[in-house]
């Protein structure tokens, strides 16, 4: 339950104490939030007047909604005390983070989708899986490597969003969900977006140059699908497959960054990640299906139609098979296979329960993939911790002795 602090617009002094109200956020109704009083306490005893000023100074609108005046009376002692409610969530959302910046910068941050961080997670998680699977047995993945890939995922996903919006400016203006994006709404021009694009690309390049040569080459190659992906929805009903190739390239790079080479273990992992993207992005595409049909944009949501859930179940089977193959090739232990079973079960439930005609249901199921990926990552790390380093080394020797290495610079 979210906890909010109601700050008084007009402070009333009662018995030399400043009062504020603490309450529980119940539910949004008609664009505003309804509160139920929990208790009232004197601010002077907890924060003091200086503390109240600090709270006011640092508070921000986490939900973007502010209550109108709220009248409250306490057994006749306070009459018509006017409060203004500021939603102060315990967790900071992407939207509230963007809103904390000056208004002239918010459009640029929205262009990178910083207010919608789910995409960063979906880019980073395949990297994290790969890095963890490639780590030596009995060890956690390298923290520095994970940090670099997390930063790279953040900036490259942002760069990809900018490129996508530059291509899709005219399409986005005709779709209800995307018409308010900075380029589609006219808040920014393509030239300004192009200039801004140099920032995340430069930072991403500086991160890439810290890796070995194999990984640098792979990273440079990733720019090709990143640039071309937005065009795919114009020429094929399978843009989600192309997005899978693009979004999950980090799985290949993560493996190369840790081991300095590519071997067969990374291929079924990469294929599984592509199939996973086909599942969650097809569900995501159903949010815009009607608008896309009108303006001529293609997607798997349109192609699959009434057979969508059958297709998604087939992709889930490919995911499960690929992950099981990866586990075998990496000599993984039992927690990994528990993770595969839970991952598959969740996807089956996700596909079975989603209402493809309800955009809210589609959005909720799409976002649930972050938690699904995090759960699987934790079990990968647990499995690698109990894996024998000797067994891991034996598997590597077997691969190298049999010339099964895919690529080594």
Protein backbone atom coordinates (compact mmCIF):
# COMPACT_ATOMS: atom_id res chain seq x y z
CA UNK A 1 0.00 0.00 0.00
CA UNK A 2 1.33 3.42 -0.93
CA UNK A 3 1.82 5.81 1.96
CA UNK A 4 1.29 9.51 1.35
CA UNK A 5 1.83 12.58 3.46
CA UNK A 6 -0.84 15.27 3.38
CA UNK A 7 0.80 18.65 3.78
CA UNK A 8 -1.37 21.55 4.88
CA UNK A 9 -1.86 24.40 2.50
CA UNK A 10 -2.76 26.61 5.43
CA UNK A 11 -1.05 25.64 8.65
CA UNK A 12 -3.11 25.89 11.81
CA UNK A 13 -1.58 26.16 15.25
CA UNK A 14 -3.29 24.23 17.99
CA UNK A 15 -1.69 24.20 21.42
CA UNK A 16 1.59 25.46 19.94
CA UNK A 17 1.97 22.40 17.71
CA UNK A 18 1.96 22.16 13.97
CA UNK A 19 -0.26 19.40 12.71
CA UNK A 20 -0.11 17.23 9.61
CA UNK A 21 -2.10 14.22 8.58
CA UNK A 22 -0.71 10.82 7.64
CA UNK A 23 -2.92 8.64 5.54
CA UNK A 24 -3.21 5.59 3.32
CA UNK A 25 -3.71 5.85 -0.41
CA UNK A 26 -6.70 3.74 -1.37
CA UNK A 27 -7.52 4.04 -5.05
CA UNK A 28 -7.58 6.50 -7.94
CA UNK A 29 -11.06 7.61 -8.92
CA UNK A 30 -11.89 10.03 -11.70
CA UNK A 31 -8.30 11.22 -11.94
CA UNK A 32 -7.94 12.05 -8.23
CA UNK A 33 -6.99 9.98 -5.22
CA UNK A 34 -9.26 9.09 -2.33
CA UNK A 35 -7.70 9.06 1.14
CA UNK A 36 -8.77 7.66 4.49
CA UNK A 37 -7.37 9.32 7.59
CA UNK A 38 -5.00 7.13 9.56
CA UNK A 39 -3.91 9.48 12.32
CA UNK A 40 -2.79 13.02 13.06
CA UNK A 41 0.43 13.88 14.80
CA UNK A 42 2.19 17.12 15.77
CA UNK A 43 4.92 17.95 13.28
CA UNK A 44 6.93 19.86 15.87
CA UNK A 45 7.53 16.64 17.80
CA UNK A 46 8.72 14.68 14.78
CA UNK A 47 10.16 17.09 12.23
CA UNK A 48 9.95 20.59 13.63
CA UNK A 49 9.08 23.58 11.47
CA UNK A 50 12.42 23.33 9.64
CA UNK A 51 11.66 19.71 8.91
CA UNK A 52 8.30 20.66 7.42
CA UNK A 53 10.01 23.16 5.14
CA UNK A 54 12.41 20.40 4.07
CA UNK A 55 9.51 18.07 3.31
CA UNK A 56 7.83 20.77 1.25
CA UNK A 57 11.02 21.58 -0.59
CA UNK A 58 11.76 18.00 -1.63
CA UNK A 59 8.25 16.70 -2.21
CA UNK A 60 7.17 16.06 -5.78
CA UNK A 61 4.11 14.72 -7.53
CA UNK A 62 4.90 11.03 -7.94
CA UNK A 63 1.64 10.35 -9.75
CA UNK A 64 1.12 13.70 -11.42
CA UNK A 65 -2.17 14.16 -9.52
CA UNK A 66 -2.83 16.72 -6.79
CA UNK A 67 -5.91 16.65 -4.64
CA UNK A 68 -8.17 19.63 -4.49
CA UNK A 69 -8.84 21.08 -1.07
CA UNK A 70 -9.71 18.38 1.43
CA UNK A 71 -11.80 19.45 4.39
CA UNK A 72 -11.24 17.66 7.65
CA UNK A 73 -12.45 18.34 11.16
CA UNK A 74 -11.09 16.73 14.31
CA UNK A 75 -13.86 16.51 16.93
CA UNK A 76 -14.57 20.20 16.53
CA UNK A 77 -11.06 21.26 17.52
CA UNK A 78 -10.06 22.00 13.94
CA UNK A 79 -12.69 23.39 11.65
CA UNK A 80 -12.33 23.43 7.87
CA UNK A 81 -8.63 22.66 7.94
CA UNK A 82 -7.61 22.75 4.30
CA UNK A 83 -5.05 20.21 3.13
CA UNK A 84 -3.54 19.72 -0.25
CA UNK A 85 -2.47 16.16 -0.96
CA UNK A 86 0.85 15.37 -2.53
CA UNK A 87 1.36 11.76 -3.46
CA UNK A 88 4.74 10.85 -1.98
CA UNK A 89 5.29 7.20 -2.89
CA UNK A 90 7.88 5.04 -1.21
CA UNK A 91 9.31 4.18 -4.64
CA UNK A 92 10.26 6.69 -7.32
CA UNK A 93 8.63 6.02 -10.67
CA UNK A 94 10.10 6.88 -14.05
CA UNK A 95 7.47 9.55 -14.56
CA UNK A 96 8.17 11.25 -11.24
CA UNK A 97 11.90 11.15 -11.98
CA UNK A 98 11.37 12.98 -15.27
CA UNK A 99 8.98 15.47 -13.66
CA UNK A 100 11.68 16.41 -11.15
CA UNK A 101 13.72 17.98 -13.98
CA UNK A 102 13.18 21.48 -15.44
CA UNK A 103 10.38 21.53 -18.01
CA UNK A 104 12.73 22.35 -20.91
CA UNK A 105 14.62 19.08 -20.29
CA UNK A 106 11.63 16.81 -19.77
CA UNK A 107 10.90 16.38 -23.49
CA UNK A 108 14.43 15.08 -24.10
CA UNK A 109 14.16 12.61 -21.23
CA UNK A 110 10.78 11.46 -22.51
CA UNK A 111 12.35 11.01 -25.94
CA UNK A 112 14.68 8.44 -24.34
CA UNK A 113 11.64 6.87 -22.56
CA UNK A 114 13.24 7.43 -19.17
CA UNK A 115 9.70 7.78 -17.86
CA UNK A 116 9.06 4.18 -19.04
CA UNK A 117 12.00 2.11 -17.74
CA UNK A 118 10.49 -1.31 -18.57
CA UNK A 119 12.36 -1.28 -21.89
CA UNK A 120 15.71 -0.87 -20.14
CA UNK A 121 15.01 -3.97 -18.06
CA UNK A 122 14.06 -6.01 -21.12
CA UNK A 123 17.32 -5.01 -22.83
CA UNK A 124 19.45 -5.61 -19.73
CA UNK A 125 18.04 -8.93 -18.52
CA UNK A 126 19.33 -11.06 -21.45
CA UNK A 127 22.75 -9.48 -20.83
CA UNK A 128 22.55 -10.36 -17.14
CA UNK A 129 21.51 -13.95 -17.88
CA UNK A 130 24.38 -14.37 -20.33
CA UNK A 131 27.00 -12.82 -18.04
CA UNK A 132 25.83 -15.01 -15.16
CA UNK A 133 25.80 -18.19 -17.24
CA UNK A 134 29.27 -17.46 -18.62
CA UNK A 135 30.74 -16.78 -15.16
CA UNK A 136 33.04 -19.43 -13.64
CA UNK A 137 31.30 -22.11 -11.60
CA UNK A 138 30.93 -21.37 -7.91
CA UNK A 139 31.04 -17.59 -8.44
CA UNK A 140 28.64 -14.71 -8.78
CA UNK A 141 28.81 -12.69 -12.01
CA UNK A 142 31.30 -9.84 -12.09
CA UNK A 143 29.66 -6.74 -10.57
CA UNK A 144 31.65 -4.33 -12.72
CA UNK A 145 30.62 -6.18 -15.88
CA UNK A 146 26.96 -6.10 -14.85
CA UNK A 147 27.17 -2.38 -14.09
CA UNK A 148 28.71 -1.59 -17.47
CA UNK A 149 26.06 -3.60 -19.28
CA UNK A 150 23.30 -1.97 -17.20
CA UNK A 151 24.56 1.48 -18.19
CA UNK A 152 24.97 0.37 -21.78
CA UNK A 153 21.40 -0.99 -21.81
CA UNK A 154 20.09 2.30 -20.44
CA UNK A 155 21.80 4.52 -22.99
CA UNK A 156 21.44 2.23 -26.01
CA UNK A 157 17.77 1.67 -25.32
CA UNK A 158 17.40 5.45 -25.10
CA UNK A 159 19.26 5.90 -28.38
CA UNK A 160 17.07 3.26 -30.00
CA UNK A 161 13.92 5.06 -28.86
CA UNK A 162 15.18 8.32 -30.36
CA UNK A 163 15.95 6.62 -33.68
CA UNK A 164 12.55 4.90 -33.61
CA UNK A 165 10.69 8.16 -32.98
CA UNK A 166 12.60 9.97 -35.72
CA UNK A 167 11.48 7.32 -38.22
CA UNK A 168 7.92 7.04 -36.84
CA UNK A 169 7.07 10.68 -36.17
CA UNK A 170 4.20 10.75 -38.68
CA UNK A 171 2.84 7.35 -37.61
CA UNK A 172 3.02 8.18 -33.90
CA UNK A 173 0.92 11.31 -34.35
CA UNK A 174 -1.97 9.13 -35.58
CA UNK A 175 -1.90 6.58 -32.74
CA UNK A 176 -3.69 7.37 -29.48
CA UNK A 177 -1.00 5.83 -27.25
CA UNK A 178 1.93 7.62 -28.95
CA UNK A 179 0.51 10.95 -30.16
CA UNK A 180 1.90 12.82 -27.14
CA UNK A 181 5.50 11.74 -27.66
CA UNK A 182 7.87 14.72 -28.01
CA UNK A 183 8.39 14.40 -31.77
CA UNK A 184 4.85 13.37 -32.64
CA UNK A 185 3.37 16.24 -30.62
CA UNK A 186 5.78 18.82 -32.05
CA UNK A 187 7.53 19.58 -28.77
CA UNK A 188 10.84 18.68 -30.42
CA UNK A 189 12.03 18.70 -34.03
CA UNK A 190 13.87 15.90 -35.80
CA UNK A 191 17.00 18.07 -35.91
CA UNK A 192 16.96 18.57 -32.13
CA UNK A 193 16.41 14.84 -31.65
CA UNK A 194 19.33 14.07 -33.97
CA UNK A 195 21.61 16.41 -32.02
CA UNK A 196 20.49 14.90 -28.73
CA UNK A 197 21.07 11.39 -30.11
CA UNK A 198 24.81 12.04 -30.05
CA UNK A 199 24.78 12.05 -26.23
CA UNK A 200 23.56 8.49 -25.51
CA UNK A 201 25.50 7.15 -28.50
CA UNK A 202 28.74 8.75 -27.30
CA UNK A 203 28.28 7.42 -23.78
CA UNK A 204 27.44 3.95 -25.14
CA UNK A 205 30.58 3.98 -27.29
CA UNK A 206 32.75 4.96 -24.33
CA UNK A 207 31.33 1.99 -22.38
CA UNK A 208 31.80 -0.37 -25.33
CA UNK A 209 35.49 0.52 -25.66
CA UNK A 210 36.18 -0.89 -22.18
CA UNK A 211 35.49 -4.46 -23.42
CA UNK A 212 37.62 -6.91 -25.40
CA UNK A 213 37.91 -6.64 -29.18
CA UNK A 214 35.35 -9.39 -29.90
CA UNK A 215 32.73 -7.55 -27.87
CA UNK A 216 33.59 -4.19 -29.44
CA UNK A 217 33.04 -5.64 -32.92
CA UNK A 218 29.75 -7.19 -31.84
CA UNK A 219 28.66 -3.88 -30.29
CA UNK A 220 29.39 -1.93 -33.46
CA UNK A 221 27.43 -4.50 -35.49
CA UNK A 222 24.41 -3.98 -33.22
CA UNK A 223 23.90 -0.50 -34.66
CA UNK A 224 22.69 -1.94 -37.96
CA UNK A 225 19.52 -3.62 -36.61
CA UNK A 226 19.02 -0.71 -34.20
CA UNK A 227 18.75 1.72 -37.12
CA UNK A 228 16.76 -0.59 -39.39
CA UNK A 229 14.23 -1.95 -36.88
CA UNK A 230 11.73 0.95 -37.18
CA UNK A 231 11.50 0.33 -40.94
CA UNK A 232 10.47 -3.30 -40.49
CA UNK A 233 6.89 -2.48 -39.52
CA UNK A 234 6.52 -0.91 -42.96
CA UNK A 235 7.63 -3.97 -44.94
CA UNK A 236 6.85 -7.10 -42.88
CA UNK A 237 4.31 -8.43 -40.40
CA UNK A 238 7.23 -9.70 -38.30
CA UNK A 239 8.81 -6.53 -36.84
CA UNK A 240 8.66 -8.18 -33.41
CA UNK A 241 11.11 -10.83 -34.64
CA UNK A 242 13.49 -8.15 -35.83
CA UNK A 243 13.10 -6.40 -32.48
CA UNK A 244 14.07 -9.70 -30.86
CA UNK A 245 17.33 -9.79 -32.84
CA UNK A 246 18.01 -6.20 -31.78
CA UNK A 247 16.88 -6.18 -28.14
CA UNK A 248 18.68 -9.39 -27.20
CA UNK A 249 22.03 -8.79 -28.91
CA UNK A 250 23.36 -8.05 -25.43
CA UNK A 251 23.10 -11.78 -24.62
CA UNK A 252 25.74 -12.46 -27.27
CA UNK A 253 27.86 -9.50 -26.18
CA UNK A 254 27.68 -10.46 -22.50
CA UNK A 255 28.96 -13.95 -23.23
CA UNK A 256 31.80 -12.56 -25.33
CA UNK A 257 32.69 -9.96 -22.69
CA UNK A 258 33.10 -12.64 -20.01
CA UNK A 259 34.73 -15.47 -21.98
CA UNK A 260 36.42 -13.56 -24.79
CA UNK A 261 34.83 -15.90 -27.33
CA UNK A 262 31.51 -17.30 -28.50
CA UNK A 263 30.64 -20.98 -28.21
CA UNK A 264 27.55 -23.08 -28.77
CA UNK A 265 26.05 -22.35 -25.35
CA UNK A 266 25.10 -18.81 -26.31
CA UNK A 267 23.11 -19.74 -29.44
CA UNK A 268 20.08 -21.43 -27.80
CA UNK A 269 20.08 -18.66 -25.17
CA UNK A 270 19.92 -15.98 -27.87
CA UNK A 271 17.19 -17.89 -29.73
CA UNK A 272 15.17 -18.23 -26.51
CA UNK A 273 15.43 -14.50 -25.86
CA UNK A 274 14.22 -13.73 -29.38
CA UNK A 275 11.21 -16.01 -28.87
CA UNK A 276 10.55 -14.32 -25.50
CA UNK A 277 10.49 -10.94 -27.24
CA UNK A 278 8.01 -12.32 -29.78
CA UNK A 279 5.71 -13.25 -26.89
CA UNK A 280 5.80 -10.04 -24.87
CA UNK A 281 5.98 -7.62 -27.81
CA UNK A 282 3.10 -9.28 -29.63
CA UNK A 283 1.01 -8.78 -26.49
CA UNK A 284 2.28 -5.19 -26.34
CA UNK A 285 1.37 -4.61 -30.00
CA UNK A 286 -2.27 -5.45 -29.30
CA UNK A 287 -2.56 -2.10 -27.52
CA UNK A 288 -2.24 -0.35 -30.90
CA UNK A 289 -3.79 -2.98 -33.17
CA UNK A 290 -6.77 -0.91 -34.29
CA UNK A 291 -4.75 2.25 -34.98
CA UNK A 292 -2.01 0.25 -36.72
CA UNK A 293 -4.56 -1.38 -39.02
CA UNK A 294 -5.94 2.02 -40.04
CA UNK A 295 -2.57 3.66 -40.77
CA UNK A 296 -1.00 0.60 -42.43
CA UNK A 297 1.58 -0.39 -39.81
CA UNK A 298 2.29 -4.13 -39.72
CA UNK A 299 2.78 -6.32 -36.64
CA UNK A 300 2.49 -9.91 -35.45
CA UNK A 301 -0.63 -8.84 -33.53
CA UNK A 302 -2.32 -8.13 -36.87
CA UNK A 303 -0.87 -11.17 -38.64
CA UNK A 304 -1.77 -13.73 -35.97
CA UNK A 305 -5.28 -12.39 -35.36
CA UNK A 306 -7.53 -14.97 -33.70
CA UNK A 307 -4.67 -17.50 -33.65
CA UNK A 308 -2.44 -15.29 -31.53
CA UNK A 309 -2.49 -17.38 -28.36
CA UNK A 310 -1.66 -20.54 -30.32
CA UNK A 311 1.36 -18.79 -31.84
CA UNK A 312 2.45 -17.48 -28.45
CA UNK A 313 2.23 -20.94 -26.91
CA UNK A 314 4.43 -22.23 -29.73
CA UNK A 315 7.01 -19.54 -28.99
CA UNK A 316 6.88 -20.51 -25.32
CA UNK A 317 7.77 -24.07 -26.30
CA UNK A 318 10.78 -22.74 -28.23
CA UNK A 319 11.82 -20.67 -25.21
CA UNK A 320 11.68 -23.67 -22.91
CA UNK A 321 13.61 -25.90 -25.34
CA UNK A 322 16.27 -23.26 -25.90
CA UNK A 323 16.79 -22.60 -22.20
CA UNK A 324 17.02 -26.32 -21.46
CA UNK A 325 19.65 -26.68 -24.20
CA UNK A 326 21.58 -23.76 -22.75
CA UNK A 327 21.51 -25.37 -19.31
CA UNK A 328 22.87 -28.63 -20.70
CA UNK A 329 25.63 -26.95 -22.71
CA UNK A 330 26.63 -24.86 -19.67
CA UNK A 331 26.51 -27.82 -17.27
CA UNK A 332 23.98 -26.02 -15.08
CA UNK A 333 22.62 -27.30 -11.78
CA UNK A 334 19.09 -27.90 -10.50
CA UNK A 335 18.12 -24.29 -9.54
CA UNK A 336 18.54 -23.33 -13.20
CA UNK A 337 16.03 -25.98 -14.29
CA UNK A 338 13.61 -24.87 -11.57
CA UNK A 339 13.94 -21.40 -13.09
CA UNK A 340 13.15 -22.73 -16.57
CA UNK A 341 10.06 -24.51 -15.23
CA UNK A 342 8.82 -21.37 -13.42
CA UNK A 343 9.61 -19.19 -16.43
CA UNK A 344 7.61 -21.46 -18.72
CA UNK A 345 4.71 -21.75 -16.29
CA UNK A 346 4.48 -17.98 -15.89
CA UNK A 347 4.46 -17.44 -19.66
CA UNK A 348 1.72 -20.05 -20.13
CA UNK A 349 -0.37 -18.33 -17.46
CA UNK A 350 0.40 -14.92 -18.96
CA UNK A 351 -0.79 -16.02 -22.40
CA UNK A 352 -3.85 -17.85 -21.06
CA UNK A 353 -5.02 -14.98 -18.85
CA UNK A 354 -4.32 -11.92 -21.01
CA UNK A 355 -7.32 -10.22 -22.59
CA UNK A 356 -5.96 -9.24 -25.98
CA UNK A 357 -8.89 -6.90 -26.57
CA UNK A 358 -8.14 -4.95 -23.40
CA UNK A 359 -5.15 -2.55 -23.71
CA UNK A 360 -4.83 -2.32 -19.93
CA UNK A 361 -4.58 -6.10 -19.61
CA UNK A 362 -2.01 -6.24 -22.41
CA UNK A 363 0.08 -3.52 -20.80
CA UNK A 364 -0.02 -5.24 -17.41
CA UNK A 365 1.06 -8.62 -18.84
CA UNK A 366 3.81 -6.95 -20.86
CA UNK A 367 5.24 -5.22 -17.79
CA UNK A 368 5.13 -8.43 -15.75
CA UNK A 369 7.99 -9.76 -17.87
CA UNK A 370 10.43 -7.63 -15.91
CA UNK A 371 9.71 -9.52 -12.69
CA UNK A 372 9.74 -12.79 -14.60
CA UNK A 373 13.20 -12.03 -15.98
CA UNK A 374 14.52 -10.97 -12.59
CA UNK A 375 13.26 -14.18 -10.98
CA UNK A 376 15.01 -16.27 -13.63
CA UNK A 377 18.21 -14.27 -13.23
CA UNK A 378 18.29 -14.93 -9.48
CA UNK A 379 17.92 -18.66 -10.06
CA UNK A 380 20.68 -18.60 -12.70
CA UNK A 381 23.03 -17.02 -10.15
CA UNK A 382 22.00 -19.54 -7.49
CA UNK A 383 22.61 -22.41 -9.91
CA UNK A 384 26.03 -21.08 -10.86
CA UNK A 385 27.03 -20.67 -7.22
CA UNK A 386 26.59 -24.36 -6.50
CA UNK A 387 28.10 -25.47 -9.80
CA UNK A 388 31.54 -27.01 -9.53
CA UNK A 389 34.27 -24.88 -11.10
CA UNK A 390 36.00 -28.12 -12.10
CA UNK A 391 32.88 -29.28 -13.94
CA UNK A 392 32.64 -25.88 -15.67
CA UNK A 393 36.28 -26.02 -16.72
CA UNK A 394 35.81 -29.55 -18.03
CA UNK A 395 32.93 -28.40 -20.21
CA UNK A 396 35.05 -25.55 -21.63
CA UNK A 397 37.92 -27.94 -22.39
CA UNK A 398 35.50 -30.28 -24.14
CA UNK A 399 34.20 -27.45 -26.30
CA UNK A 400 37.66 -26.22 -27.23
CA UNK A 401 39.09 -29.73 -27.84
CA UNK A 402 36.21 -30.59 -30.18
CA UNK A 403 36.55 -27.31 -32.18
CA UNK A 404 33.03 -26.33 -31.20
CA UNK A 405 34.00 -22.75 -30.55
CA UNK A 406 31.94 -20.40 -32.70
CA UNK A 407 34.23 -17.40 -32.74
CA UNK A 408 37.42 -16.29 -31.01
CA UNK A 409 39.42 -13.27 -32.05
